[in-house]
Amino acid sequence: MQVLEGRGALSAEQRGCFIAPRDAEELYDVYEDPHCLKNLAQAKSHSDTLTQLSGVLDRWIDHTGDSVPKNPTKDWFHRTK
């Protein structure tokens, strides 16, 4: 895929894995959009859902003591060369 990306031979949907940096928040309707091509995080019609799910995540972080490592391992997939 990286070769095809370099040639400009990928569709917008296929190029999704090369987006860097990624959006800070992503929200998909996996029933209507099973390939997760349309990020709904910024859609006002889904703001309540995003707020609800953010709260669930915050409670999970508090409950489990989960955190982002200070020195996370790098993504094995190099989006750009």
N, C-alpha and C. Protein backbone atom coordinates (compact mmCIF):
# COMPACT_ATOMS: atom_id res chain seq x y z
N MET A 1 0.82 -1.19 0.00
CA MET A 1 0.00 0.00 0.00
C MET A 1 0.86 1.25 0.00
N GLN A 2 2.01 1.18 0.65
CA GLN A 2 2.87 2.36 0.67
C GLN A 2 3.37 2.71 -0.73
N VAL A 3 3.64 1.70 -1.54
CA VAL A 3 4.07 1.97 -2.92
C VAL A 3 2.93 2.63 -3.69
N LEU A 4 1.72 2.09 -3.54
CA LEU A 4 0.56 2.68 -4.23
C LEU A 4 0.29 4.09 -3.73
N GLU A 5 0.46 4.30 -2.43
CA GLU A 5 0.30 5.65 -1.88
C GLU A 5 1.31 6.60 -2.50
N GLY A 6 2.55 6.16 -2.62
CA GLY A 6 3.60 6.98 -3.22
C GLY A 6 3.31 7.33 -4.67
N ARG A 7 2.63 6.45 -5.35
CA ARG A 7 2.25 6.69 -6.75
C ARG A 7 0.97 7.50 -6.89
N GLY A 8 0.30 7.75 -5.77
CA GLY A 8 -0.98 8.46 -5.83
C GLY A 8 -2.09 7.60 -6.40
N ALA A 9 -1.97 6.28 -6.22
CA ALA A 9 -2.89 5.34 -6.84
C ALA A 9 -4.00 4.86 -5.90
N LEU A 10 -4.12 5.44 -4.72
CA LEU A 10 -5.14 5.00 -3.77
C LEU A 10 -6.32 5.96 -3.76
N SER A 11 -7.49 5.42 -3.50
CA SER A 11 -8.68 6.27 -3.35
C SER A 11 -8.60 6.98 -2.00
N ALA A 12 -9.47 7.95 -1.80
CA ALA A 12 -9.50 8.67 -0.53
C ALA A 12 -9.75 7.70 0.63
N GLU A 13 -10.62 6.73 0.43
CA GLU A 13 -10.92 5.76 1.47
C GLU A 13 -9.69 4.89 1.79
N GLN A 14 -8.97 4.48 0.76
CA GLN A 14 -7.80 3.64 0.95
C GLN A 14 -6.65 4.41 1.61
N ARG A 15 -6.63 5.72 1.44
CA ARG A 15 -5.56 6.54 2.02
C ARG A 15 -5.74 6.80 3.51
N GLY A 16 -6.88 6.39 4.07
CA GLY A 16 -7.19 6.68 5.47
C GLY A 16 -6.10 6.28 6.45
N CYS A 17 -5.45 5.15 6.20
CA CYS A 17 -4.42 4.69 7.14
C CYS A 17 -3.15 5.53 7.08
N PHE A 18 -3.04 6.41 6.10
CA PHE A 18 -1.85 7.25 5.97
C PHE A 18 -2.04 8.64 6.58
N ILE A 19 -3.22 8.90 7.10
CA ILE A 19 -3.48 10.22 7.68
C ILE A 19 -2.65 10.39 8.96
N ALA A 20 -1.89 11.43 9.00
CA ALA A 20 -1.07 11.73 10.18
C ALA A 20 -0.98 13.25 10.31
N PRO A 21 -1.31 13.80 11.44
CA PRO A 21 -1.83 13.10 12.61
C PRO A 21 -3.30 12.75 12.44
N ARG A 22 -3.73 11.76 13.19
CA ARG A 22 -5.13 11.35 13.19
C ARG A 22 -5.95 12.40 13.93
N ASP A 23 -7.27 12.38 13.70
CA ASP A 23 -8.16 13.26 14.46
C ASP A 23 -8.05 12.92 15.94
N ALA A 24 -8.19 13.90 16.80
CA ALA A 24 -8.10 13.67 18.25
C ALA A 24 -9.22 12.74 18.72
N GLU A 25 -10.39 12.86 18.11
CA GLU A 25 -11.52 12.00 18.46
C GLU A 25 -12.12 11.43 17.17
N GLU A 26 -12.50 10.17 17.25
CA GLU A 26 -13.16 9.53 16.12
C GLU A 26 -14.39 8.81 16.63
N LEU A 27 -15.48 8.91 15.89
CA LEU A 27 -16.74 8.28 16.24
C LEU A 27 -17.38 7.78 14.95
N TYR A 28 -17.71 6.50 14.93
CA TYR A 28 -18.29 5.90 13.73
C TYR A 28 -19.57 5.16 14.06
N ASP A 29 -20.51 5.17 13.13
CA ASP A 29 -21.72 4.36 13.22
C ASP A 29 -21.40 3.05 12.51
N VAL A 30 -21.01 2.05 13.27
CA VAL A 30 -20.52 0.81 12.67
C VAL A 30 -21.63 0.00 12.00
N TYR A 31 -22.90 0.33 12.27
CA TYR A 31 -24.00 -0.35 11.58
C TYR A 31 -24.22 0.26 10.20
N GLU A 32 -24.23 1.58 10.14
CA GLU A 32 -24.45 2.28 8.87
C GLU A 32 -23.17 2.42 8.04
N ASP A 33 -22.04 2.41 8.71
CA ASP A 33 -20.73 2.62 8.08
C ASP A 33 -19.75 1.56 8.60
N PRO A 34 -19.94 0.29 8.22
CA PRO A 34 -19.11 -0.79 8.79
C PRO A 34 -17.63 -0.67 8.48
N HIS A 35 -17.26 0.08 7.47
CA HIS A 35 -15.85 0.25 7.13
C HIS A 35 -15.25 1.50 7.80
N CYS A 36 -16.07 2.17 8.61
CA CYS A 36 -15.62 3.35 9.38
C CYS A 36 -14.93 4.38 8.48
N LEU A 37 -15.66 4.81 7.48
CA LEU A 37 -15.11 5.79 6.54
C LEU A 37 -15.52 7.22 6.86
N LYS A 38 -16.62 7.39 7.60
CA LYS A 38 -17.12 8.74 7.90
C LYS A 38 -17.03 9.01 9.40
N ASN A 39 -16.08 9.84 9.79
CA ASN A 39 -15.91 10.21 11.20
C ASN A 39 -17.01 11.19 11.60
N LEU A 40 -17.81 10.79 12.59
CA LEU A 40 -18.94 11.60 13.04
C LEU A 40 -18.62 12.44 14.27
N ALA A 41 -17.40 12.43 14.74
CA ALA A 41 -17.04 13.10 15.99
C ALA A 41 -17.34 14.59 15.97
N GLN A 42 -17.25 15.23 14.84
CA GLN A 42 -17.49 16.67 14.77
C GLN A 42 -18.93 17.02 14.40
N ALA A 43 -19.75 16.00 14.12
CA ALA A 43 -21.14 16.24 13.71
C ALA A 43 -21.97 16.65 14.93
N LYS A 44 -22.63 17.81 14.86
CA LYS A 44 -23.45 18.29 15.98
C LYS A 44 -24.54 17.28 16.33
N SER A 45 -25.02 16.55 15.35
CA SER A 45 -26.09 15.58 15.59
C SER A 45 -25.61 14.41 16.46
N HIS A 46 -24.31 14.25 16.63
CA HIS A 46 -23.77 13.16 17.44
C HIS A 46 -23.02 13.65 18.67
N SER A 47 -23.18 14.93 19.01
CA SER A 47 -22.44 15.49 20.15
C SER A 47 -22.84 14.83 21.47
N ASP A 48 -24.12 14.49 21.64
CA ASP A 48 -24.54 13.83 22.89
C ASP A 48 -23.89 12.45 23.02
N THR A 49 -23.83 11.71 21.92
CA THR A 49 -23.21 10.39 21.94
C THR A 49 -21.72 10.52 22.26
N LEU A 50 -21.05 11.46 21.65
CA LEU A 50 -19.63 11.67 21.90
C LEU A 50 -19.39 12.04 23.37
N THR A 51 -20.22 12.90 23.90
CA THR A 51 -20.10 13.29 25.31
C THR A 51 -20.33 12.09 26.22
N GLN A 52 -21.34 11.28 25.92
CA GLN A 52 -21.63 10.10 26.73
C GLN A 52 -20.46 9.12 26.70
N LEU A 53 -19.94 8.85 25.52
CA LEU A 53 -18.84 7.89 25.40
C LEU A 53 -17.55 8.43 26.02
N SER A 54 -17.34 9.72 25.94
CA SER A 54 -16.17 10.32 26.60
C SER A 54 -16.26 10.14 28.11
N GLY A 55 -17.48 10.27 28.64
CA GLY A 55 -17.69 10.06 30.07
C GLY A 55 -17.42 8.61 30.47
N VAL A 56 -17.87 7.67 29.64
CA VAL A 56 -17.60 6.26 29.90
C VAL A 56 -16.09 6.01 29.93
N LEU A 57 -15.38 6.58 28.98
CA LEU A 57 -13.92 6.43 28.94
C LEU A 57 -13.27 7.05 30.17
N ASP A 58 -13.70 8.25 30.55
CA ASP A 58 -13.14 8.90 31.74
C ASP A 58 -13.34 8.05 32.99
N ARG A 59 -14.55 7.48 33.13
CA ARG A 59 -14.81 6.62 34.29
C ARG A 59 -13.93 5.37 34.26
N TRP A 60 -13.73 4.81 33.08
CA TRP A 60 -12.86 3.63 32.94
C TRP A 60 -11.43 3.98 33.36
N ILE A 61 -10.94 5.11 32.89
CA ILE A 61 -9.59 5.55 33.23
C ILE A 61 -9.46 5.70 34.75
N ASP A 62 -10.44 6.35 35.38
CA ASP A 62 -10.40 6.52 36.83
C ASP A 62 -10.48 5.19 37.56
N HIS A 63 -11.37 4.33 37.11
CA HIS A 63 -11.59 3.04 37.78
C HIS A 63 -10.38 2.11 37.68
N THR A 64 -9.71 2.12 36.54
CA THR A 64 -8.61 1.17 36.31
C THR A 64 -7.23 1.78 36.52
N GLY A 65 -7.16 3.11 36.66
CA GLY A 65 -5.85 3.75 36.77
C GLY A 65 -5.11 3.75 35.44
N ASP A 66 -5.85 3.58 34.35
CA ASP A 66 -5.26 3.54 33.01
C ASP A 66 -4.66 4.91 32.69
N SER A 67 -3.58 4.92 31.95
CA SER A 67 -2.93 6.18 31.57
C SER A 67 -2.15 5.99 30.28
N VAL A 68 -1.79 7.10 29.70
CA VAL A 68 -0.94 7.07 28.50
C VAL A 68 0.50 7.02 28.98
N PRO A 69 1.28 6.06 28.48
CA PRO A 69 2.68 5.99 28.93
C PRO A 69 3.46 7.24 28.57
N LYS A 70 4.46 7.56 29.38
CA LYS A 70 5.29 8.73 29.11
C LYS A 70 6.12 8.52 27.85
N ASN A 71 6.54 7.30 27.61
CA ASN A 71 7.33 6.97 26.42
C ASN A 71 6.67 5.80 25.68
N PRO A 72 5.55 6.08 24.97
CA PRO A 72 4.86 4.97 24.31
C PRO A 72 5.71 4.38 23.18
N THR A 73 5.50 3.11 22.93
CA THR A 73 6.20 2.49 21.81
C THR A 73 5.67 3.09 20.51
N LYS A 74 6.51 3.16 19.54
CA LYS A 74 6.11 3.73 18.26
C LYS A 74 5.17 2.79 17.54
N ASP A 75 4.32 3.37 16.73
CA ASP A 75 3.43 2.61 15.88
C ASP A 75 4.30 1.83 14.89
N TRP A 76 4.06 0.55 14.75
CA TRP A 76 4.88 -0.27 13.85
C TRP A 76 4.63 0.07 12.39
N PHE A 77 3.50 0.71 12.10
CA PHE A 77 3.18 1.09 10.73
C PHE A 77 3.62 2.52 10.48
N HIS A 78 4.58 2.69 9.62
CA HIS A 78 5.07 4.03 9.30
C HIS A 78 4.15 4.66 8.27
N ARG A 79 3.39 5.67 8.71
CA ARG A 79 2.44 6.30 7.81
C ARG A 79 3.12 7.08 6.69
N THR A 80 4.28 7.60 7.00
CA THR A 80 5.04 8.35 6.00
C THR A 80 6.47 7.85 6.03
N LYS A 81 7.14 8.04 4.94
CA LYS A 81 8.56 7.62 4.89
C LYS A 81 9.45 8.82 4.86
